[in-house]
Amino acid sequence: MYWTLELASKLEDAPWPATKGELIDYAVRSGAPAEVVENLNDLEDDEEVYDSIEDIWPDYPSKEDFFFNEDEY
């Protein structure tokens, strides 16, 4: 399983919290690339409820990662 920003962004509007099955259904209905569905199928626990993309991909960059503190410069 591998994630990229482009693939993970396809799940930003998913109906969080969601189970693996709900996320797969959302990905298929929204026309996400096959890699997104494959990655979701690789998740181990079928019954776990995921609150956000960070639960699936802990290294998912947050908006704060893209902005620098302007007060420092």
C-alpha atoms as a PDB file:
ATOM      1  CA  MET A   1       0.000   0.000   0.000  1.00  0.00           C
ATOM      2  CA  TYR A   2       1.345   3.395  -0.925  1.00  0.00           C
ATOM      3  CA  TRP A   3      -0.209   6.827  -0.687  1.00  0.00           C
ATOM      4  CA  THR A   4       0.609  10.042  -2.456  1.00  0.00           C
ATOM      5  CA  LEU A   5      -0.908  13.468  -1.940  1.00  0.00           C
ATOM      6  CA  GLU A   6      -2.851  13.087  -5.157  1.00  0.00           C
ATOM      7  CA  LEU A   7      -4.322   9.725  -4.136  1.00  0.00           C
ATOM      8  CA  ALA A   8      -5.102  10.774  -0.566  1.00  0.00           C
ATOM      9  CA  SER A   9      -6.756  13.973  -1.753  1.00  0.00           C
ATOM     10  CA  LYS A  10      -9.443  11.839  -3.426  1.00  0.00           C
ATOM     11  CA  LEU A  11     -10.677  10.972   0.082  1.00  0.00           C
ATOM     12  CA  GLU A  12     -10.731  14.490   1.546  1.00  0.00           C
ATOM     13  CA  ASP A  13     -14.492  14.817   1.022  1.00  0.00           C
ATOM     14  CA  ALA A  14     -15.272  11.264   2.136  1.00  0.00           C
ATOM     15  CA  PRO A  15     -18.051  10.869   4.712  1.00  0.00           C
ATOM     16  CA  TRP A  16     -15.826  10.720   7.799  1.00  0.00           C
ATOM     17  CA  PRO A  17     -15.976   8.810  10.101  1.00  0.00           C
ATOM     18  CA  ALA A  18     -16.215   5.755   7.883  1.00  0.00           C
ATOM     19  CA  THR A  19     -15.403   2.066   7.766  1.00  0.00           C
ATOM     20  CA  LYS A  20     -13.210   0.420   5.162  1.00  0.00           C
ATOM     21  CA  GLY A  21     -16.277  -0.667   3.181  1.00  0.00           C
ATOM     22  CA  GLU A  22     -17.808   2.803   3.247  1.00  0.00           C
ATOM     23  CA  LEU A  23     -14.550   4.358   2.056  1.00  0.00           C
ATOM     24  CA  ILE A  24     -14.248   1.856  -0.784  1.00  0.00           C
ATOM     25  CA  ASP A  25     -17.846   2.551  -1.782  1.00  0.00           C
ATOM     26  CA  TYR A  26     -17.190   6.307  -1.713  1.00  0.00           C
ATOM     27  CA  ALA A  27     -13.998   5.921  -3.760  1.00  0.00           C
ATOM     28  CA  VAL A  28     -15.765   3.858  -6.421  1.00  0.00           C
ATOM     29  CA  ARG A  29     -18.791   6.183  -6.613  1.00  0.00           C
ATOM     30  CA  SER A  30     -16.641   9.309  -6.785  1.00  0.00           C
ATOM     31  CA  GLY A  31     -14.485   7.942  -9.596  1.00  0.00           C
ATOM     32  CA  ALA A  32     -11.250   7.792  -7.614  1.00  0.00           C
ATOM     33  CA  PRO A  33      -8.288   6.106  -9.333  1.00  0.00           C
ATOM     34  CA  ALA A  34      -7.993   2.324  -8.981  1.00  0.00           C
ATOM     35  CA  GLU A  35      -4.928   2.813  -6.763  1.00  0.00           C
ATOM     36  CA  VAL A  36      -7.112   4.447  -4.085  1.00  0.00           C
ATOM     37  CA  VAL A  37      -9.462   1.447  -4.041  1.00  0.00           C
ATOM     38  CA  GLU A  38      -6.480  -0.948  -3.978  1.00  0.00           C
ATOM     39  CA  ASN A  39      -4.956   0.923  -1.025  1.00  0.00           C
ATOM     40  CA  LEU A  40      -8.253   0.823   0.845  1.00  0.00           C
ATOM     41  CA  ASN A  41      -8.589  -2.904   0.148  1.00  0.00           C
ATOM     42  CA  ASP A  42      -5.164  -3.371   1.750  1.00  0.00           C
ATOM     43  CA  LEU A  43      -6.422  -2.017   5.083  1.00  0.00           C
ATOM     44  CA  GLU A  44      -6.493  -4.874   7.571  1.00  0.00           C
ATOM     45  CA  ASP A  45      -9.500  -4.251   9.801  1.00  0.00           C
ATOM     46  CA  ASP A  46     -12.869  -4.334   8.044  1.00  0.00           C
ATOM     47  CA  GLU A  47     -14.811  -3.109  11.079  1.00  0.00           C
ATOM     48  CA  GLU A  48     -12.540  -0.282  12.267  1.00  0.00           C
ATOM     49  CA  VAL A  49     -13.993   3.206  11.964  1.00  0.00           C
ATOM     50  CA  TYR A  50     -11.588   5.773  10.546  1.00  0.00           C
ATOM     51  CA  ASP A  51     -12.082   9.386  11.615  1.00  0.00           C
ATOM     52  CA  SER A  52      -9.939  10.992   8.899  1.00  0.00           C
ATOM     53  CA  ILE A  53      -7.317  10.322   6.267  1.00  0.00           C
ATOM     54  CA  GLU A  54      -4.687  10.650   9.012  1.00  0.00           C
ATOM     55  CA  ASP A  55      -5.995   7.392  10.516  1.00  0.00           C
ATOM     56  CA  ILE A  56      -5.230   5.649   7.231  1.00  0.00           C
ATOM     57  CA  TRP A  57      -2.052   7.531   6.289  1.00  0.00           C
ATOM     58  CA  PRO A  58      -0.445   8.992   9.443  1.00  0.00           C
ATOM     59  CA  ASP A  59       2.067  10.987   7.378  1.00  0.00           C
ATOM     60  CA  TYR A  60      -0.667  12.867   5.512  1.00  0.00           C
ATOM     61  CA  PRO A  61       0.480  16.497   5.508  1.00  0.00           C
ATOM     62  CA  SER A  62      -1.823  18.943   7.198  1.00  0.00           C
ATOM     63  CA  LYS A  63      -2.453  22.469   5.990  1.00  0.00           C
ATOM     64  CA  GLU A  64      -0.001  23.725   8.601  1.00  0.00           C
ATOM     65  CA  ASP A  65       2.755  21.763   6.844  1.00  0.00           C
ATOM     66  CA  PHE A  66       2.419  24.004   3.792  1.00  0.00           C
ATOM     67  CA  PHE A  67       2.504  27.361   5.538  1.00  0.00           C
ATOM     68  CA  PHE A  68       5.393  28.935   7.330  1.00  0.00           C
ATOM     69  CA  ASN A  69       5.142  31.262  10.266  1.00  0.00           C
ATOM     70  CA  GLU A  70       5.333  34.725   8.735  1.00  0.00           C
ATOM     71  CA  ASP A  71       6.259  36.243  12.104  1.00  0.00           C
ATOM     72  CA  GLU A  72       9.586  34.412  11.966  1.00  0.00           C
ATOM     73  CA  TYR A  73      10.727  36.222   8.814  1.00  0.00           C
END
